[in-house]
């Protein structure tokens, strides 16, 4: 299964390929999680990132993380 399918099955997050669709070996993933506790959101996103980094078939070139509070 693809990394997107594994993340969807394991975590309650929205994830999609948002850029790099024209390239065979490169893509940009967008991951979204909504909640009312920053600690909880950070914990889940860190676990998602750990799963991505643990995949042998993926090389992470860069990452950004923004938590927006309203």
PDB file of N, CA and C in Angstrom:
ATOM      1  N   UNK A   1       0.831  -1.200   0.000  1.00  0.00           N
ATOM      2  CA  UNK A   1       0.000   0.000   0.000  1.00  0.00           C
ATOM      3  C   UNK A   1       0.860   1.243   0.000  1.00  0.00           C
ATOM      4  N   UNK A   2       0.320   2.307  -0.538  1.00  0.00           N
ATOM      5  CA  UNK A   2       1.056   3.559  -0.570  1.00  0.00           C
ATOM      6  C   UNK A   2       1.120   4.169   0.824  1.00  0.00           C
ATOM      7  N   UNK A   3       2.051   5.071   0.998  1.00  0.00           N
ATOM      8  CA  UNK A   3       2.207   5.742   2.289  1.00  0.00           C
ATOM      9  C   UNK A   3       0.932   6.520   2.642  1.00  0.00           C
ATOM     10  N   UNK A   4       0.264   7.062   1.652  1.00  0.00           N
ATOM     11  CA  UNK A   4      -0.977   7.807   1.906  1.00  0.00           C
ATOM     12  C   UNK A   4      -2.038   6.874   2.467  1.00  0.00           C
ATOM     13  N   UNK A   5      -2.190   5.702   1.881  1.00  0.00           N
ATOM     14  CA  UNK A   5      -3.179   4.735   2.376  1.00  0.00           C
ATOM     15  C   UNK A   5      -2.853   4.263   3.789  1.00  0.00           C
ATOM     16  N   UNK A   6      -1.578   4.040   4.063  1.00  0.00           N
ATOM     17  CA  UNK A   6      -1.180   3.600   5.404  1.00  0.00           C
ATOM     18  C   UNK A   6      -1.466   4.664   6.448  1.00  0.00           C
ATOM     19  N   UNK A   7      -1.189   5.926   6.123  1.00  0.00           N
ATOM     20  CA  UNK A   7      -1.437   7.015   7.070  1.00  0.00           C
ATOM     21  C   UNK A   7      -2.935   7.196   7.303  1.00  0.00           C
ATOM     22  N   UNK A   8      -3.729   7.133   6.231  1.00  0.00           N
ATOM     23  CA  UNK A   8      -5.187   7.254   6.379  1.00  0.00           C
ATOM     24  C   UNK A   8      -5.750   6.141   7.247  1.00  0.00           C
ATOM     25  N   UNK A   9      -5.227   4.931   7.085  1.00  0.00           N
ATOM     26  CA  UNK A   9      -5.737   3.787   7.837  1.00  0.00           C
ATOM     27  C   UNK A   9      -5.349   3.851   9.312  1.00  0.00           C
ATOM     28  N   UNK A  10      -4.224   4.451   9.604  1.00  0.00           N
ATOM     29  CA  UNK A  10      -3.700   4.425  10.968  1.00  0.00           C
ATOM     30  C   UNK A  10      -4.062   5.650  11.803  1.00  0.00           C
ATOM     31  N   UNK A  11      -4.170   6.805  11.154  1.00  0.00           N
ATOM     32  CA  UNK A  11      -4.417   8.059  11.876  1.00  0.00           C
ATOM     33  C   UNK A  11      -5.663   8.732  11.319  1.00  0.00           C
ATOM     34  N   UNK A  12      -6.320   9.518  12.115  1.00  0.00           N
ATOM     35  CA  UNK A  12      -7.519  10.231  11.688  1.00  0.00           C
ATOM     36  C   UNK A  12      -7.115  11.613  11.157  1.00  0.00           C
ATOM     37  N   UNK A  13      -6.416  11.611  10.013  1.00  0.00           N
ATOM     38  CA  UNK A  13      -5.956  12.849   9.399  1.00  0.00           C
ATOM     39  C   UNK A  13      -6.393  12.868   7.938  1.00  0.00           C
ATOM     40  N   UNK A  14      -6.423  14.048   7.377  1.00  0.00           N
ATOM     41  CA  UNK A  14      -6.626  14.206   5.939  1.00  0.00           C
ATOM     42  C   UNK A  14      -5.254  14.332   5.308  1.00  0.00           C
ATOM     43  N   UNK A  15      -5.022  13.581   4.230  1.00  0.00           N
ATOM     44  CA  UNK A  15      -3.727  13.616   3.558  1.00  0.00           C
ATOM     45  C   UNK A  15      -3.949  13.488   2.061  1.00  0.00           C
ATOM     46  N   UNK A  16      -3.192  14.265   1.300  1.00  0.00           N
ATOM     47  CA  UNK A  16      -3.317  14.224  -0.156  1.00  0.00           C
ATOM     48  C   UNK A  16      -2.000  14.657  -0.786  1.00  0.00           C
ATOM     49  N   UNK A  17      -1.792  14.201  -2.005  1.00  0.00           N
ATOM     50  CA  UNK A  17      -0.658  14.667  -2.792  1.00  0.00           C
ATOM     51  C   UNK A  17      -1.046  16.027  -3.363  1.00  0.00           C
ATOM     52  N   UNK A  18      -0.331  17.075  -2.981  1.00  0.00           N
ATOM     53  CA  UNK A  18      -0.721  18.432  -3.354  1.00  0.00           C
ATOM     54  C   UNK A  18       0.194  19.071  -4.394  1.00  0.00           C
ATOM     55  N   UNK A  19       1.304  18.415  -4.720  1.00  0.00           N
ATOM     56  CA  UNK A  19       2.211  18.945  -5.730  1.00  0.00           C
ATOM     57  C   UNK A  19       3.101  17.810  -6.210  1.00  0.00           C
ATOM     58  N   UNK A  20       3.710  17.991  -7.355  1.00  0.00           N
ATOM     59  CA  UNK A  20       4.615  16.993  -7.894  1.00  0.00           C
ATOM     60  C   UNK A  20       3.903  15.876  -8.635  1.00  0.00           C
ATOM     61  N   UNK A  21       2.641  16.093  -9.014  1.00  0.00           N
ATOM     62  CA  UNK A  21       1.878  15.049  -9.684  1.00  0.00           C
ATOM     63  C   UNK A  21       2.466  14.669 -11.035  1.00  0.00           C
ATOM     64  N   UNK A  22       3.226  15.556 -11.641  1.00  0.00           N
ATOM     65  CA  UNK A  22       3.798  15.286 -12.955  1.00  0.00           C
ATOM     66  C   UNK A  22       5.103  14.506 -12.876  1.00  0.00           C
ATOM     67  N   UNK A  23       5.592  14.274 -11.696  1.00  0.00           N
ATOM     68  CA  UNK A  23       6.866  13.581 -11.522  1.00  0.00           C
ATOM     69  C   UNK A  23       6.626  12.179 -10.982  1.00  0.00           C
ATOM     70  N   UNK A  24       7.385  11.222 -11.492  1.00  0.00           N
ATOM     71  CA  UNK A  24       7.207   9.838 -11.093  1.00  0.00           C
ATOM     72  C   UNK A  24       7.773   9.576  -9.706  1.00  0.00           C
ATOM     73  N   UNK A  25       8.876  10.197  -9.354  1.00  0.00           N
ATOM     74  CA  UNK A  25       9.552   9.886  -8.102  1.00  0.00           C
ATOM     75  C   UNK A  25       9.545  11.025  -7.089  1.00  0.00           C
ATOM     76  N   UNK A  26       8.688  11.985  -7.259  1.00  0.00           N
ATOM     77  CA  UNK A  26       8.663  13.118  -6.330  1.00  0.00           C
ATOM     78  C   UNK A  26       7.235  13.593  -6.128  1.00  0.00           C
ATOM     79  N   UNK A  27       6.904  13.902  -4.892  1.00  0.00           N
ATOM     80  CA  UNK A  27       5.580  14.449  -4.619  1.00  0.00           C
ATOM     81  C   UNK A  27       5.640  15.275  -3.345  1.00  0.00           C
ATOM     82  N   UNK A  28       4.638  16.087  -3.171  1.00  0.00           N
ATOM     83  CA  UNK A  28       4.476  16.867  -1.961  1.00  0.00           C
ATOM     84  C   UNK A  28       3.173  16.435  -1.315  1.00  0.00           C
ATOM     85  N   UNK A  29       3.250  16.087  -0.042  1.00  0.00           N
ATOM     86  CA  UNK A  29       2.061  15.651   0.682  1.00  0.00           C
ATOM     87  C   UNK A  29       1.567  16.771   1.591  1.00  0.00           C
ATOM     88  N   UNK A  30       0.273  16.948   1.634  1.00  0.00           N
ATOM     89  CA  UNK A  30      -0.355  17.870   2.567  1.00  0.00           C
ATOM     90  C   UNK A  30      -1.122  17.053   3.599  1.00  0.00           C
ATOM     91  N   UNK A  31      -0.882  17.316   4.858  1.00  0.00           N
ATOM     92  CA  UNK A  31      -1.525  16.584   5.942  1.00  0.00           C
ATOM     93  C   UNK A  31      -2.239  17.580   6.841  1.00  0.00           C
ATOM     94  N   UNK A  32      -3.498  17.299   7.144  1.00  0.00           N
ATOM     95  CA  UNK A  32      -4.303  18.218   7.944  1.00  0.00           C
ATOM     96  C   UNK A  32      -4.969  17.472   9.087  1.00  0.00           C
ATOM     97  N   UNK A  33      -4.972  18.121  10.236  1.00  0.00           N
ATOM     98  CA  UNK A  33      -5.627  17.573  11.421  1.00  0.00           C
ATOM     99  C   UNK A  33      -6.265  18.735  12.167  1.00  0.00           C
ATOM    100  N   UNK A  34      -7.495  18.567  12.567  1.00  0.00           N
ATOM    101  CA  UNK A  34      -8.210  19.606  13.309  1.00  0.00           C
ATOM    102  C   UNK A  34      -8.494  19.081  14.715  1.00  0.00           C
ATOM    103  N   UNK A  35      -8.232  19.905  15.695  1.00  0.00           N
ATOM    104  CA  UNK A  35      -8.498  19.523  17.072  1.00  0.00           C
ATOM    105  C   UNK A  35      -8.505  20.736  17.967  1.00  0.00           C
ATOM    106  N   UNK A  36      -8.789  20.512  19.254  1.00  0.00           N
ATOM    107  CA  UNK A  36      -8.863  21.650  20.166  1.00  0.00           C
ATOM    108  C   UNK A  36      -7.715  21.675  21.175  1.00  0.00           C
ATOM    109  N   UNK A  37      -6.756  20.741  21.055  1.00  0.00           N
ATOM    110  CA  UNK A  37      -5.588  20.744  21.929  1.00  0.00           C
ATOM    111  C   UNK A  37      -4.309  20.694  21.106  1.00  0.00           C
ATOM    112  N   UNK A  38      -3.472  21.685  21.279  1.00  0.00           N
ATOM    113  CA  UNK A  38      -2.218  21.753  20.528  1.00  0.00           C
ATOM    114  C   UNK A  38      -1.330  20.549  20.824  1.00  0.00           C
ATOM    115  N   UNK A  39      -1.305  20.102  22.072  1.00  0.00           N
ATOM    116  CA  UNK A  39      -0.475  18.955  22.454  1.00  0.00           C
ATOM    117  C   UNK A  39      -0.912  17.695  21.709  1.00  0.00           C
ATOM    118  N   UNK A  40      -2.217  17.478  21.612  1.00  0.00           N
ATOM    119  CA  UNK A  40      -2.756  16.318  20.906  1.00  0.00           C
ATOM    120  C   UNK A  40      -2.419  16.375  19.420  1.00  0.00           C
ATOM    121  N   UNK A  41      -2.631  17.528  18.815  1.00  0.00           N
ATOM    122  CA  UNK A  41      -2.350  17.696  17.387  1.00  0.00           C
ATOM    123  C   UNK A  41      -0.865  17.465  17.105  1.00  0.00           C
ATOM    124  N   UNK A  42      -0.001  18.054  17.905  1.00  0.00           N
ATOM    125  CA  UNK A  42       1.437  17.872  17.733  1.00  0.00           C
ATOM    126  C   UNK A  42       1.830  16.407  17.864  1.00  0.00           C
ATOM    127  N   UNK A  43       1.227  15.715  18.811  1.00  0.00           N
ATOM    128  CA  UNK A  43       1.530  14.306  19.029  1.00  0.00           C
ATOM    129  C   UNK A  43       1.166  13.462  17.809  1.00  0.00           C
ATOM    130  N   UNK A  44      -0.022  13.656  17.279  1.00  0.00           N
ATOM    131  CA  UNK A  44      -0.461  12.882  16.112  1.00  0.00           C
ATOM    132  C   UNK A  44       0.399  13.212  14.895  1.00  0.00           C
ATOM    133  N   UNK A  45       0.649  14.494  14.650  1.00  0.00           N
ATOM    134  CA  UNK A  45       1.465  14.870  13.497  1.00  0.00           C
ATOM    135  C   UNK A  45       2.881  14.326  13.614  1.00  0.00           C
ATOM    136  N   UNK A  46       3.440  14.316  14.814  1.00  0.00           N
ATOM    137  CA  UNK A  46       4.778  13.735  15.006  1.00  0.00           C
ATOM    138  C   UNK A  46       4.778  12.245  14.708  1.00  0.00           C
ATOM    139  N   UNK A  47       3.722  11.544  15.095  1.00  0.00           N
ATOM    140  CA  UNK A  47       3.634  10.114  14.798  1.00  0.00           C
ATOM    141  C   UNK A  47       3.500   9.867  13.304  1.00  0.00           C
ATOM    142  N   UNK A  48       2.755  10.720  12.603  1.00  0.00           N
ATOM    143  CA  UNK A  48       2.638  10.608  11.149  1.00  0.00           C
ATOM    144  C   UNK A  48       4.004  10.825  10.496  1.00  0.00           C
ATOM    145  N   UNK A  49       4.717  11.849  10.949  1.00  0.00           N
ATOM    146  CA  UNK A  49       6.037  12.150  10.399  1.00  0.00           C
ATOM    147  C   UNK A  49       7.006  11.004  10.667  1.00  0.00           C
ATOM    148  N   UNK A  50       6.942  10.413  11.855  1.00  0.00           N
ATOM    149  CA  UNK A  50       7.793   9.261  12.167  1.00  0.00           C
ATOM    150  C   UNK A  50       7.519   8.095  11.222  1.00  0.00           C
ATOM    151  N   UNK A  51       6.253   7.859  10.910  1.00  0.00           N
ATOM    152  CA  UNK A  51       5.907   6.796   9.973  1.00  0.00           C
ATOM    153  C   UNK A  51       6.487   7.072   8.594  1.00  0.00           C
ATOM    154  N   UNK A  52       6.405   8.307   8.155  1.00  0.00           N
ATOM    155  CA  UNK A  52       6.956   8.666   6.845  1.00  0.00           C
ATOM    156  C   UNK A  52       8.467   8.469   6.833  1.00  0.00           C
ATOM    157  N   UNK A  53       9.151   8.954   7.864  1.00  0.00           N
ATOM    158  CA  UNK A  53      10.596   8.811   7.932  1.00  0.00           C
ATOM    159  C   UNK A  53      11.040   7.354   8.060  1.00  0.00           C
ATOM    160  N   UNK A  54      10.210   6.500   8.640  1.00  0.00           N
ATOM    161  CA  UNK A  54      10.591   5.097   8.832  1.00  0.00           C
ATOM    162  C   UNK A  54      10.445   4.264   7.565  1.00  0.00           C
ATOM    163  N   UNK A  55       9.798   4.806   6.557  1.00  0.00           N
ATOM    164  CA  UNK A  55       9.624   4.074   5.307  1.00  0.00           C
ATOM    165  C   UNK A  55      10.938   4.044   4.526  1.00  0.00           C
ATOM    166  N   UNK A  56      11.376   2.844   4.173  1.00  0.00           N
ATOM    167  CA  UNK A  56      12.635   2.687   3.437  1.00  0.00           C
ATOM    168  C   UNK A  56      12.559   3.218   2.013  1.00  0.00           C
ATOM    169  N   UNK A  57      11.380   3.299   1.454  1.00  0.00           N
ATOM    170  CA  UNK A  57      11.235   3.706   0.057  1.00  0.00           C
ATOM    171  C   UNK A  57      11.049   5.210  -0.114  1.00  0.00           C
ATOM    172  N   UNK A  58      11.123   5.967   0.991  1.00  0.00           N
ATOM    173  CA  UNK A  58      10.878   7.410   0.929  1.00  0.00           C
ATOM    174  C   UNK A  58      12.094   8.165   1.442  1.00  0.00           C
ATOM    175  N   UNK A  59      12.465   9.189   0.702  1.00  0.00           N
ATOM    176  CA  UNK A  59      13.505  10.113   1.147  1.00  0.00           C
ATOM    177  C   UNK A  59      12.846  11.480   1.311  1.00  0.00           C
ATOM    178  N   UNK A  60      12.871  12.005   2.512  1.00  0.00           N
ATOM    179  CA  UNK A  60      12.261  13.305   2.790  1.00  0.00           C
ATOM    180  C   UNK A  60      13.287  14.387   2.488  1.00  0.00           C
ATOM    181  N   UNK A  61      12.944  15.280   1.578  1.00  0.00           N
ATOM    182  CA  UNK A  61      13.854  16.355   1.197  1.00  0.00           C
ATOM    183  C   UNK A  61      13.665  17.583   2.073  1.00  0.00           C
ATOM    184  N   UNK A  62      12.440  17.850   2.470  1.00  0.00           N
ATOM    185  CA  UNK A  62      12.170  18.969   3.378  1.00  0.00           C
ATOM    186  C   UNK A  62      10.794  18.776   3.974  1.00  0.00           C
ATOM    187  N   UNK A  63      10.552  19.525   5.046  1.00  0.00           N
ATOM    188  CA  UNK A  63       9.226  19.471   5.660  1.00  0.00           C
ATOM    189  C   UNK A  63       8.924  20.794   6.330  1.00  0.00           C
ATOM    190  N   UNK A  64       7.650  21.108   6.394  1.00  0.00           N
ATOM    191  CA  UNK A  64       7.165  22.298   7.071  1.00  0.00           C
ATOM    192  C   UNK A  64       5.986  21.885   7.937  1.00  0.00           C
ATOM    193  N   UNK A  65       5.844  22.536   9.068  1.00  0.00           N
ATOM    194  CA  UNK A  65       4.705  22.256   9.939  1.00  0.00           C
ATOM    195  C   UNK A  65       4.197  23.570  10.513  1.00  0.00           C
ATOM    196  N   UNK A  66       2.927  23.829  10.307  1.00  0.00           N
ATOM    197  CA  UNK A  66       2.280  25.025  10.855  1.00  0.00           C
ATOM    198  C   UNK A  66       1.081  24.585  11.676  1.00  0.00           C
ATOM    199  N   UNK A  67       0.982  25.082  12.875  1.00  0.00           N
ATOM    200  CA  UNK A  67      -0.200  24.876  13.702  1.00  0.00           C
ATOM    201  C   UNK A  67      -0.873  26.236  13.854  1.00  0.00           C
ATOM    202  N   UNK A  68      -2.110  26.307  13.366  1.00  0.00           N
ATOM    203  CA  UNK A  68      -2.831  27.573  13.364  1.00  0.00           C
ATOM    204  C   UNK A  68      -3.878  27.519  14.473  1.00  0.00           C
ATOM    205  N   UNK A  69      -3.872  28.526  15.323  1.00  0.00           N
ATOM    206  CA  UNK A  69      -4.813  28.598  16.433  1.00  0.00           C
ATOM    207  C   UNK A  69      -5.770  29.767  16.211  1.00  0.00           C
ATOM    208  N   UNK A  70      -7.049  29.486  16.322  1.00  0.00           N
ATOM    209  CA  UNK A  70      -8.059  30.545  16.202  1.00  0.00           C
ATOM    210  C   UNK A  70      -8.818  30.691  17.472  1.00  0.00           C
TER     211      UNK A  70
END
